Amino acid sequence: MSGEIRDVALDEVVAGLREGTITLVDVREPHEFAAGHIPGSVSMPLSRFDVRSLPKEGRVVFSCAAGVRSKAAIGHCRAAGLPWSEHFPGGFKDWAASGMPIAAGDS
């Protein structure tokens, strides 16, 4: 398994969410997610991260506030022998700074 982490650009995240070709997993804590998150993302806090809860198929991209915790989630996946190695390095901060729509609440 490759040690590379692939950065996914904002436009690729937008297209993947629109087309339904990615599952964007937000690993920030529940209070952060509830305060604002990328529409269509799913919450899976790093503090309670369970690789068994990840989709078994498709493309998974991790996101957090700014790229640190999403890399840690990839490390957990690798330790479990899972192939996921993509993250949105700018995370929610870049999403919001780009003027993209923001969802609030815990769903």
Protein backbone atom coordinates (compact mmCIF):
# COMPACT_ATOMS: atom_id res chain seq x y z
CA MET A 1 0.00 0.00 0.00
CA SER A 2 1.37 3.38 -0.99
CA GLY A 3 2.38 5.85 1.70
CA GLU A 4 1.21 8.81 -0.35
CA ILE A 5 -1.66 10.99 0.77
CA ARG A 6 -3.52 12.56 -2.13
CA ASP A 7 -4.75 16.12 -1.74
CA VAL A 8 -8.17 16.71 -3.27
CA ALA A 9 -8.79 20.27 -4.48
CA LEU A 10 -11.90 22.28 -3.66
CA ASP A 11 -13.30 22.03 -7.19
CA GLU A 12 -12.89 18.24 -7.14
CA VAL A 13 -14.72 18.03 -3.79
CA VAL A 14 -17.55 20.20 -5.15
CA ALA A 15 -17.86 18.06 -8.29
CA GLY A 16 -17.67 14.78 -6.35
CA LEU A 17 -20.40 15.85 -3.93
CA ARG A 18 -22.59 17.14 -6.75
CA GLU A 19 -22.16 13.95 -8.79
CA GLY A 20 -22.37 11.63 -5.77
CA THR A 21 -18.99 10.09 -6.56
CA ILE A 22 -17.36 10.76 -3.19
CA THR A 23 -18.24 10.30 0.44
CA LEU A 24 -16.79 13.29 2.26
CA VAL A 25 -16.05 12.24 5.85
CA ASP A 26 -15.69 15.16 8.27
CA VAL A 27 -13.52 14.09 11.20
CA ARG A 28 -13.97 17.24 13.29
CA GLU A 29 -15.68 16.99 16.66
CA PRO A 30 -19.51 17.02 16.87
CA HIS A 31 -19.71 20.61 18.14
CA GLU A 32 -17.58 21.80 15.21
CA PHE A 33 -19.71 19.88 12.71
CA ALA A 34 -22.94 21.21 14.24
CA ALA A 35 -21.67 24.80 14.08
CA GLY A 36 -21.07 24.48 10.34
CA HIS A 37 -20.06 21.84 7.84
CA ILE A 38 -19.79 21.11 4.15
CA PRO A 39 -23.24 20.16 2.84
CA GLY A 40 -23.34 16.46 2.02
CA SER A 41 -20.47 15.55 4.33
CA VAL A 42 -20.88 12.91 7.01
CA SER A 43 -19.66 13.33 10.57
CA MET A 44 -17.22 10.78 11.97
CA PRO A 45 -15.21 12.50 14.74
CA LEU A 46 -11.58 11.50 14.96
CA SER A 47 -11.93 11.07 18.74
CA ARG A 48 -14.37 8.21 18.08
CA PHE A 49 -13.10 7.17 14.66
CA ASP A 50 -14.07 3.63 13.73
CA VAL A 51 -12.86 2.36 10.36
CA ARG A 52 -15.64 -0.26 10.42
CA SER A 53 -18.16 2.56 9.93
CA LEU A 54 -16.62 3.68 6.63
CA PRO A 55 -18.26 2.77 3.33
CA LYS A 56 -16.98 -0.51 1.94
CA GLU A 57 -17.03 0.75 -1.65
CA GLY A 58 -16.68 3.98 -3.56
CA ARG A 59 -14.39 6.90 -3.00
CA VAL A 60 -13.85 8.26 0.50
CA VAL A 61 -12.29 11.69 1.04
CA PHE A 62 -11.53 12.96 4.54
CA SER A 63 -11.94 16.53 5.70
CA CYS A 64 -11.41 18.43 8.94
CA ALA A 65 -10.78 22.07 9.81
CA ALA A 66 -7.50 22.49 7.94
CA GLY A 67 -5.99 19.12 7.02
CA VAL A 68 -4.30 17.77 10.16
CA ARG A 69 -6.99 15.45 11.53
CA SER A 70 -7.92 14.22 8.05
CA LYS A 71 -4.35 12.94 7.65
CA ALA A 72 -4.65 11.20 11.02
CA ALA A 73 -7.85 9.49 9.81
CA ILE A 74 -5.93 8.22 6.78
CA GLY A 75 -3.34 6.81 9.20
CA HIS A 76 -6.08 4.90 11.03
CA CYS A 77 -7.30 3.51 7.70
CA ARG A 78 -3.82 2.39 6.73
CA ALA A 79 -3.33 0.69 10.10
CA ALA A 80 -6.54 -1.25 9.42
CA GLY A 81 -5.41 -2.20 5.91
CA LEU A 82 -7.95 0.05 4.15
CA PRO A 83 -7.05 1.85 0.93
CA TRP A 84 -8.41 5.33 1.67
CA SER A 85 -5.69 7.93 1.14
CA GLU A 86 -7.42 11.13 0.01
CA HIS A 87 -8.17 14.28 1.95
CA PHE A 88 -9.32 17.84 1.38
CA PRO A 89 -6.29 19.64 2.86
CA GLY A 90 -7.91 23.05 3.28
CA GLY A 91 -10.89 21.49 4.98
CA PHE A 92 -13.80 23.45 6.29
CA LYS A 93 -11.75 26.65 6.67
CA ASP A 94 -10.96 26.80 2.95
CA TRP A 95 -14.53 25.82 2.06
CA ALA A 96 -15.96 28.68 4.14
CA ALA A 97 -13.31 31.17 3.00
CA SER A 98 -14.19 30.37 -0.62
CA GLY A 99 -17.77 31.46 -0.01
CA MET A 100 -19.19 27.98 -0.52
CA PRO A 101 -22.54 27.10 1.10
CA ILE A 102 -22.43 25.92 4.70
CA ALA A 103 -24.85 23.60 6.46
CA ALA A 104 -25.46 23.74 10.21
CA GLY A 105 -26.79 21.22 12.67
CA ASP A 106 -25.75 17.67 13.30
CA SER A 107 -26.97 16.04 10.12
